[in-house]
Amino acid sequence: QETGNFSMVGFRLVNTLTENGTVSRGVCSAEGGY
C-alpha cells in the first residue's frame, strides 16, 4: 500500500506459549489500529 507508515504483525498470546517453561513477550497496546 506504500502508506509510508511502519507496521508490525502481532499474534494472540495464547498462540505463542509453551508447556515447557515461561517465555518473554512484548505485550502490545493499540489505538485506532496503530
ModelCIF file with pLDDT and N, C-alpha, C, O atoms, coordinates in Angstrom:
data_MODEL
#
_entry.id   MODEL 
#
_entity.id                         1 
_entity.type                       polymer 
_entity.pdbx_number_of_molecules   1 
#
_entity_poly.entity_id                      1 
_entity_poly.type                           'polypeptide(L)' 
_entity_poly.nstd_linkage                   no 
_entity_poly.nstd_monomer                   no 
_entity_poly.pdbx_seq_one_letter_code       QETGNFSMVGFRLVNTLTENGTVSRGVCSAEGGY 
_entity_poly.pdbx_seq_one_letter_code_can   QETGNFSMVGFRLVNTLTENGTVSRGVCSAEGGY 
_entity_poly.pdbx_strand_id                 A 
#
loop_
_entity_poly_seq.entity_id 
_entity_poly_seq.num 
_entity_poly_seq.mon_id 
_entity_poly_seq.hetero 
1 1  GLN n 
1 2  GLU n 
1 3  THR n 
1 4  GLY n 
1 5  ASN n 
1 6  PHE n 
1 7  SER n 
1 8  MET n 
1 9  VAL n 
1 10 GLY n 
1 11 PHE n 
1 12 ARG n 
1 13 LEU n 
1 14 VAL n 
1 15 ASN n 
1 16 THR n 
1 17 LEU n 
1 18 THR n 
1 19 GLU n 
1 20 ASN n 
1 21 GLY n 
1 22 THR n 
1 23 VAL n 
1 24 SER n 
1 25 ARG n 
1 26 GLY n 
1 27 VAL n 
1 28 CYS n 
1 29 SER n 
1 30 ALA n 
1 31 GLU n 
1 32 GLY n 
1 33 GLY n 
1 34 TYR n 
#
_struct_asym.id          A 
_struct_asym.entity_id   1 
#
loop_
_ma_qa_metric.id 
_ma_qa_metric.mode 
_ma_qa_metric.name 
_ma_qa_metric.software_group_id 
_ma_qa_metric.type 
1 global pLDDT . pLDDT 
2 local  pLDDT . pLDDT 
#
_ma_qa_metric_global.metric_id      1 
_ma_qa_metric_global.metric_value   95.65 
_ma_qa_metric_global.model_id       1 
_ma_qa_metric_global.ordinal_id     1 
#
loop_
_ma_qa_metric_local.label_asym_id 
_ma_qa_metric_local.label_comp_id 
_ma_qa_metric_local.label_seq_id 
_ma_qa_metric_local.metric_id 
_ma_qa_metric_local.metric_value 
_ma_qa_metric_local.model_id 
_ma_qa_metric_local.ordinal_id 
A GLN 1  2 96.00 1 1  
A GLU 2  2 92.00 1 2  
A THR 3  2 93.00 1 3  
A GLY 4  2 92.00 1 4  
A ASN 5  2 96.00 1 5  
A PHE 6  2 98.00 1 6  
A SER 7  2 98.00 1 7  
A MET 8  2 98.00 1 8  
A VAL 9  2 98.00 1 9  
A GLY 10 2 98.00 1 10 
A PHE 11 2 98.00 1 11 
A ARG 12 2 98.00 1 12 
A LEU 13 2 98.00 1 13 
A VAL 14 2 98.00 1 14 
A ASN 15 2 97.00 1 15 
A THR 16 2 97.00 1 16 
A LEU 17 2 96.00 1 17 
A THR 18 2 93.00 1 18 
A GLU 19 2 93.00 1 19 
A ASN 20 2 92.00 1 20 
A GLY 21 2 93.00 1 21 
A THR 22 2 94.00 1 22 
A VAL 23 2 94.00 1 23 
A SER 24 2 93.00 1 24 
A ARG 25 2 94.00 1 25 
A GLY 26 2 93.00 1 26 
A VAL 27 2 95.00 1 27 
A CYS 28 2 96.00 1 28 
A SER 29 2 96.00 1 29 
A ALA 30 2 97.00 1 30 
A GLU 31 2 96.00 1 31 
A GLY 32 2 97.00 1 32 
A GLY 33 2 97.00 1 33 
A TYR 34 2 98.00 1 34 
#
loop_
_atom_site.group_PDB 
_atom_site.id 
_atom_site.type_symbol 
_atom_site.label_atom_id 
_atom_site.label_alt_id 
_atom_site.label_comp_id 
_atom_site.label_asym_id 
_atom_site.label_entity_id 
_atom_site.label_seq_id 
_atom_site.pdbx_PDB_ins_code 
_atom_site.Cartn_x 
_atom_site.Cartn_y 
_atom_site.Cartn_z 
_atom_site.occupancy 
_atom_site.B_iso_or_equiv 
_atom_site.pdbx_formal_charge 
_atom_site.auth_seq_id 
_atom_site.auth_comp_id 
_atom_site.auth_asym_id 
_atom_site.auth_atom_id 
_atom_site.pdbx_PDB_model_num 
ATOM 1   N N  . GLN A 1 1  ? 0.819  -1.211  0.000  1.00 96.00 ? 1  GLN A N  1 
ATOM 2   C CA . GLN A 1 1  ? 0.000  0.000   0.000  1.00 96.00 ? 1  GLN A CA 1 
ATOM 3   C C  . GLN A 1 1  ? 0.859  1.270   0.000  1.00 96.00 ? 1  GLN A C  1 
ATOM 4   O O  . GLN A 1 1  ? 0.392  2.347   -0.371 1.00 96.00 ? 1  GLN A O  1 
ATOM 5   N N  . GLU A 1 2  ? 2.103  1.129   0.415  1.00 92.00 ? 2  GLU A N  1 
ATOM 6   C CA . GLU A 1 2  ? 3.057  2.243   0.448  1.00 92.00 ? 2  GLU A CA 1 
ATOM 7   C C  . GLU A 1 2  ? 2.474  3.475   1.148  1.00 92.00 ? 2  GLU A C  1 
ATOM 8   O O  . GLU A 1 2  ? 2.468  4.577   0.599  1.00 92.00 ? 2  GLU A O  1 
ATOM 9   N N  . THR A 1 3  ? 1.993  3.261   2.354  1.00 93.00 ? 3  THR A N  1 
ATOM 10  C CA . THR A 1 3  ? 1.424  4.357   3.143  1.00 93.00 ? 3  THR A CA 1 
ATOM 11  C C  . THR A 1 3  ? 2.505  5.257   3.745  1.00 93.00 ? 3  THR A C  1 
ATOM 12  O O  . THR A 1 3  ? 2.239  6.398   4.124  1.00 93.00 ? 3  THR A O  1 
ATOM 13  N N  . GLY A 1 4  ? 3.725  4.726   3.827  1.00 92.00 ? 4  GLY A N  1 
ATOM 14  C CA . GLY A 1 4  ? 4.794  5.466   4.499  1.00 92.00 ? 4  GLY A CA 1 
ATOM 15  C C  . GLY A 1 4  ? 4.871  5.136   5.978  1.00 92.00 ? 4  GLY A C  1 
ATOM 16  O O  . GLY A 1 4  ? 5.859  5.455   6.640  1.00 92.00 ? 4  GLY A O  1 
ATOM 17  N N  . ASN A 1 5  ? 3.820  4.491   6.502  1.00 96.00 ? 5  ASN A N  1 
ATOM 18  C CA . ASN A 1 5  ? 3.843  4.077   7.903  1.00 96.00 ? 5  ASN A CA 1 
ATOM 19  C C  . ASN A 1 5  ? 4.670  2.812   8.075  1.00 96.00 ? 5  ASN A C  1 
ATOM 20  O O  . ASN A 1 5  ? 4.880  2.066   7.119  1.00 96.00 ? 5  ASN A O  1 
ATOM 21  N N  . PHE A 1 6  ? 5.135  2.574   9.283  1.00 98.00 ? 6  PHE A N  1 
ATOM 22  C CA . PHE A 1 6  ? 5.739  1.305   9.625  1.00 98.00 ? 6  PHE A CA 1 
ATOM 23  C C  . PHE A 1 6  ? 4.625  0.361   10.060 1.00 98.00 ? 6  PHE A C  1 
ATOM 24  O O  . PHE A 1 6  ? 3.471  0.775   10.168 1.00 98.00 ? 6  PHE A O  1 
ATOM 25  N N  . SER A 1 7  ? 4.957  -0.897  10.309 1.00 98.00 ? 7  SER A N  1 
ATOM 26  C CA . SER A 1 7  ? 3.927  -1.865  10.680 1.00 98.00 ? 7  SER A CA 1 
ATOM 27  C C  . SER A 1 7  ? 4.535  -2.999  11.485 1.00 98.00 ? 7  SER A C  1 
ATOM 28  O O  . SER A 1 7  ? 5.754  -3.164  11.537 1.00 98.00 ? 7  SER A O  1 
ATOM 29  N N  . MET A 1 8  ? 3.669  -3.772  12.109 1.00 98.00 ? 8  MET A N  1 
ATOM 30  C CA . MET A 1 8  ? 4.096  -4.980  12.803 1.00 98.00 ? 8  MET A CA 1 
ATOM 31  C C  . MET A 1 8  ? 2.980  -6.005  12.716 1.00 98.00 ? 8  MET A C  1 
ATOM 32  O O  . MET A 1 8  ? 1.799  -5.659  12.677 1.00 98.00 ? 8  MET A O  1 
ATOM 33  N N  . VAL A 1 9  ? 3.372  -7.274  12.688 1.00 98.00 ? 9  VAL A N  1 
ATOM 34  C CA . VAL A 1 9  ? 2.381  -8.346  12.778 1.00 98.00 ? 9  VAL A CA 1 
ATOM 35  C C  . VAL A 1 9  ? 2.431  -8.886  14.193 1.00 98.00 ? 9  VAL A C  1 
ATOM 36  O O  . VAL A 1 9  ? 3.471  -9.356  14.655 1.00 98.00 ? 9  VAL A O  1 
ATOM 37  N N  . GLY A 1 10 ? 1.289  -8.814  14.882 1.00 98.00 ? 10 GLY A N  1 
ATOM 38  C CA . GLY A 1 10 ? 1.192  -9.347  16.225 1.00 98.00 ? 10 GLY A CA 1 
ATOM 39  C C  . GLY A 1 10 ? 0.458  -10.677 16.227 1.00 98.00 ? 10 GLY A C  1 
ATOM 40  O O  . GLY A 1 10 ? -0.259 -11.007 15.283 1.00 98.00 ? 10 GLY A O  1 
ATOM 41  N N  . PHE A 1 11 ? 0.645  -11.426 17.287 1.00 98.00 ? 11 PHE A N  1 
ATOM 42  C CA . PHE A 1 11 ? -0.004 -12.726 17.445 1.00 98.00 ? 11 PHE A CA 1 
ATOM 43  C C  . PHE A 1 11 ? -0.799 -12.751 18.745 1.00 98.00 ? 11 PHE A C  1 
ATOM 44  O O  . PHE A 1 11 ? -0.497 -12.007 19.678 1.00 98.00 ? 11 PHE A O  1 
ATOM 45  N N  . ARG A 1 12 ? -1.802 -13.599 18.802 1.00 98.00 ? 12 ARG A N  1 
ATOM 46  C CA . ARG A 1 12 ? -2.545 -13.779 20.040 1.00 98.00 ? 12 ARG A CA 1 
ATOM 47  C C  . ARG A 1 12 ? -1.641 -14.496 21.047 1.00 98.00 ? 12 ARG A C  1 
ATOM 48  O O  . ARG A 1 12 ? -0.993 -15.490 20.718 1.00 98.00 ? 12 ARG A O  1 
ATOM 49  N N  . LEU A 1 13 ? -1.609 -13.984 22.254 1.00 98.00 ? 13 LEU A N  1 
ATOM 50  C CA . LEU A 1 13 ? -0.741 -14.544 23.284 1.00 98.00 ? 13 LEU A CA 1 
ATOM 51  C C  . LEU A 1 13 ? -0.872 -16.055 23.397 1.00 98.00 ? 13 LEU A C  1 
ATOM 52  O O  . LEU A 1 13 ? 0.132  -16.764 23.459 1.00 98.00 ? 13 LEU A O  1 
ATOM 53  N N  . VAL A 1 14 ? -2.100 -16.549 23.425 1.00 98.00 ? 14 VAL A N  1 
ATOM 54  C CA . VAL A 1 14 ? -2.333 -17.975 23.629 1.00 98.00 ? 14 VAL A CA 1 
ATOM 55  C C  . VAL A 1 14 ? -1.702 -18.825 22.526 1.00 98.00 ? 14 VAL A C  1 
ATOM 56  O O  . VAL A 1 14 ? -1.437 -20.010 22.727 1.00 98.00 ? 14 VAL A O  1 
ATOM 57  N N  . ASN A 1 15 ? -1.463 -18.219 21.360 1.00 97.00 ? 15 ASN A N  1 
ATOM 58  C CA . ASN A 1 15 ? -0.873 -18.948 20.232 1.00 97.00 ? 15 ASN A CA 1 
ATOM 59  C C  . ASN A 1 15 ? 0.647  -18.916 20.227 1.00 97.00 ? 15 ASN A C  1 
ATOM 60  O O  . ASN A 1 15 ? 1.273  -19.379 19.273 1.00 97.00 ? 15 ASN A O  1 
ATOM 61  N N  . THR A 1 16 ? 1.247  -18.376 21.278 1.00 97.00 ? 16 THR A N  1 
ATOM 62  C CA . THR A 1 16 ? 2.709  -18.222 21.282 1.00 97.00 ? 16 THR A CA 1 
ATOM 63  C C  . THR A 1 16 ? 3.379  -18.865 22.498 1.00 97.00 ? 16 THR A C  1 
ATOM 64  O O  . THR A 1 16 ? 4.575  -18.676 22.722 1.00 97.00 ? 16 THR A O  1 
ATOM 65  N N  . LEU A 1 17 ? 2.615  -19.619 23.275 1.00 96.00 ? 17 LEU A N  1 
ATOM 66  C CA . LEU A 1 17 ? 3.140  -20.117 24.552 1.00 96.00 ? 17 LEU A CA 1 
ATOM 67  C C  . LEU A 1 17 ? 3.640  -21.561 24.454 1.00 96.00 ? 17 LEU A C  1 
ATOM 68  O O  . LEU A 1 17 ? 3.353  -22.263 23.485 1.00 96.00 ? 17 LEU A O  1 
ATOM 69  N N  . THR A 1 18 ? 4.387  -21.989 25.465 1.00 93.00 ? 18 THR A N  1 
ATOM 70  C CA . THR A 1 18 ? 4.911  -23.348 25.522 1.00 93.00 ? 18 THR A CA 1 
ATOM 71  C C  . THR A 1 18 ? 4.571  -23.975 26.868 1.00 93.00 ? 18 THR A C  1 
ATOM 72  O O  . THR A 1 18 ? 4.443  -23.280 27.877 1.00 93.00 ? 18 THR A O  1 
ATOM 73  N N  . GLU A 1 19 ? 4.430  -25.274 26.870 1.00 93.00 ? 19 GLU A N  1 
ATOM 74  C CA . GLU A 1 19 ? 4.167  -26.007 28.113 1.00 93.00 ? 19 GLU A CA 1 
ATOM 75  C C  . GLU A 1 19 ? 5.463  -26.267 28.885 1.00 93.00 ? 19 GLU A C  1 
ATOM 76  O O  . GLU A 1 19 ? 5.429  -26.776 30.006 1.00 93.00 ? 19 GLU A O  1 
ATOM 77  N N  . ASN A 1 20 ? 6.591  -25.921 28.290 1.00 92.00 ? 20 ASN A N  1 
ATOM 78  C CA . ASN A 1 20 ? 7.878  -26.338 28.854 1.00 92.00 ? 20 ASN A CA 1 
ATOM 79  C C  . ASN A 1 20 ? 8.592  -25.275 29.673 1.00 92.00 ? 20 ASN A C  1 
ATOM 80  O O  . ASN A 1 20 ? 9.744  -25.475 30.061 1.00 92.00 ? 20 ASN A O  1 
ATOM 81  N N  . GLY A 1 21 ? 7.937  -24.148 29.947 1.00 93.00 ? 21 GLY A N  1 
ATOM 82  C CA . GLY A 1 21 ? 8.555  -23.112 30.760 1.00 93.00 ? 21 GLY A CA 1 
ATOM 83  C C  . GLY A 1 21 ? 7.931  -21.761 30.470 1.00 93.00 ? 21 GLY A C  1 
ATOM 84  O O  . GLY A 1 21 ? 6.965  -21.664 29.713 1.00 93.00 ? 21 GLY A O  1 
ATOM 85  N N  . THR A 1 22 ? 8.477  -20.731 31.065 1.00 94.00 ? 22 THR A N  1 
ATOM 86  C CA . THR A 1 22 ? 7.971  -19.386 30.819 1.00 94.00 ? 22 THR A CA 1 
ATOM 87  C C  . THR A 1 22 ? 8.651  -18.764 29.602 1.00 94.00 ? 22 THR A C  1 
ATOM 88  O O  . THR A 1 22 ? 9.729  -19.192 29.191 1.00 94.00 ? 22 THR A O  1 
ATOM 89  N N  . VAL A 1 23 ? 8.009  -17.756 29.037 1.00 94.00 ? 23 VAL A N  1 
ATOM 90  C CA . VAL A 1 23 ? 8.553  -17.057 27.865 1.00 94.00 ? 23 VAL A CA 1 
ATOM 91  C C  . VAL A 1 23 ? 8.464  -15.551 28.083 1.00 94.00 ? 23 VAL A C  1 
ATOM 92  O O  . VAL A 1 23 ? 7.730  -15.072 28.948 1.00 94.00 ? 23 VAL A O  1 
ATOM 93  N N  . SER A 1 24 ? 9.220  -14.824 27.286 1.00 93.00 ? 24 SER A N  1 
ATOM 94  C CA . SER A 1 24 ? 9.134  -13.357 27.273 1.00 93.00 ? 24 SER A CA 1 
ATOM 95  C C  . SER A 1 24 ? 8.345  -12.933 26.045 1.00 93.00 ? 24 SER A C  1 
ATOM 96  O O  . SER A 1 24 ? 8.558  -13.464 24.955 1.00 93.00 ? 24 SER A O  1 
ATOM 97  N N  . ARG A 1 25 ? 7.432  -11.977 26.216 1.00 94.00 ? 25 ARG A N  1 
ATOM 98  C CA . ARG A 1 25 ? 6.653  -11.480 25.093 1.00 94.00 ? 25 ARG A CA 1 
ATOM 99  C C  . ARG A 1 25 ? 6.468  -9.968  25.228 1.00 94.00 ? 25 ARG A C  1 
ATOM 100 O O  . ARG A 1 25 ? 6.337  -9.443  26.333 1.00 94.00 ? 25 ARG A O  1 
ATOM 101 N N  . GLY A 1 26 ? 6.461  -9.284  24.096 1.00 93.00 ? 26 GLY A N  1 
ATOM 102 C CA . GLY A 1 26 ? 6.178  -7.866  24.073 1.00 93.00 ? 26 GLY A CA 1 
ATOM 103 C C  . GLY A 1 26 ? 4.679  -7.662  23.975 1.00 93.00 ? 26 GLY A C  1 
ATOM 104 O O  . GLY A 1 26 ? 4.092  -7.919  22.924 1.00 93.00 ? 26 GLY A O  1 
ATOM 105 N N  . VAL A 1 27 ? 4.050  -7.209  25.036 1.00 95.00 ? 27 VAL A N  1 
ATOM 106 C CA . VAL A 1 27 ? 2.591  -7.037  25.074 1.00 95.00 ? 27 VAL A CA 1 
ATOM 107 C C  . VAL A 1 27 ? 2.233  -5.696  24.437 1.00 95.00 ? 27 VAL A C  1 
ATOM 108 O O  . VAL A 1 27 ? 2.727  -4.648  24.855 1.00 95.00 ? 27 VAL A O  1 
ATOM 109 N N  . CYS A 1 28 ? 1.378  -5.738  23.433 1.00 96.00 ? 28 CYS A N  1 
ATOM 110 C CA . CYS A 1 28 ? 1.103  -4.549  22.617 1.00 96.00 ? 28 CYS A CA 1 
ATOM 111 C C  . CYS A 1 28 ? -0.195 -3.854  23.020 1.00 96.00 ? 28 CYS A C  1 
ATOM 112 O O  . CYS A 1 28 ? -1.199 -4.495  23.331 1.00 96.00 ? 28 CYS A O  1 
ATOM 113 N N  . SER A 1 29 ? -0.143 -2.543  23.006 1.00 96.00 ? 29 SER A N  1 
ATOM 114 C CA . SER A 1 29 ? -1.346 -1.721  23.150 1.00 96.00 ? 29 SER A CA 1 
ATOM 115 C C  . SER A 1 29 ? -1.516 -0.928  21.863 1.00 96.00 ? 29 SER A C  1 
ATOM 116 O O  . SER A 1 29 ? -0.542 -0.464  21.271 1.00 96.00 ? 29 SER A O  1 
ATOM 117 N N  . ALA A 1 30 ? -2.766 -0.778  21.437 1.00 97.00 ? 30 ALA A N  1 
ATOM 118 C CA . ALA A 1 30 ? -3.026 -0.069  20.185 1.00 97.00 ? 30 ALA A CA 1 
ATOM 119 C C  . ALA A 1 30 ? -4.224 0.847   20.336 1.00 97.00 ? 30 ALA A C  1 
ATOM 120 O O  . ALA A 1 30 ? -5.085 0.641   21.190 1.00 97.00 ? 30 ALA A O  1 
ATOM 121 N N  . GLU A 1 31 ? -4.258 1.855   19.492 1.00 96.00 ? 31 GLU A N  1 
ATOM 122 C CA . GLU A 1 31 ? -5.379 2.792   19.462 1.00 96.00 ? 31 GLU A CA 1 
ATOM 123 C C  . GLU A 1 31 ? -5.677 3.111   18.009 1.00 96.00 ? 31 GLU A C  1 
ATOM 124 O O  . GLU A 1 31 ? -4.813 3.595   17.278 1.00 96.00 ? 31 GLU A O  1 
ATOM 125 N N  . GLY A 1 32 ? -6.908 2.837   17.597 1.00 97.00 ? 32 GLY A N  1 
ATOM 126 C CA . GLY A 1 32 ? -7.277 3.087   16.205 1.00 97.00 ? 32 GLY A CA 1 
ATOM 127 C C  . GLY A 1 32 ? -6.495 2.248   15.217 1.00 97.00 ? 32 GLY A C  1 
ATOM 128 O O  . GLY A 1 32 ? -6.312 2.641   14.065 1.00 97.00 ? 32 GLY A O  1 
ATOM 129 N N  . GLY A 1 33 ? -6.024 1.071   15.677 1.00 97.00 ? 33 GLY A N  1 
ATOM 130 C CA . GLY A 1 33 ? -5.277 0.183   14.794 1.00 97.00 ? 33 GLY A CA 1 
ATOM 131 C C  . GLY A 1 33 ? -3.792 0.473   14.732 1.00 97.00 ? 33 GLY A C  1 
ATOM 132 O O  . GLY A 1 33 ? -3.059 -0.177  13.987 1.00 97.00 ? 33 GLY A O  1 
ATOM 133 N N  . TYR A 1 34 ? -3.335 1.460   15.522 1.00 98.00 ? 34 TYR A N  1 
ATOM 134 C CA . TYR A 1 34 ? -1.917 1.812   15.498 1.00 98.00 ? 34 TYR A CA 1 
ATOM 135 C C  . TYR A 1 34 ? -1.287 1.583   16.873 1.00 98.00 ? 34 TYR A C  1 
ATOM 136 O O  . TYR A 1 34 ? -0.094 1.824   17.054 1.00 98.00 ? 34 TYR A O  1 
#
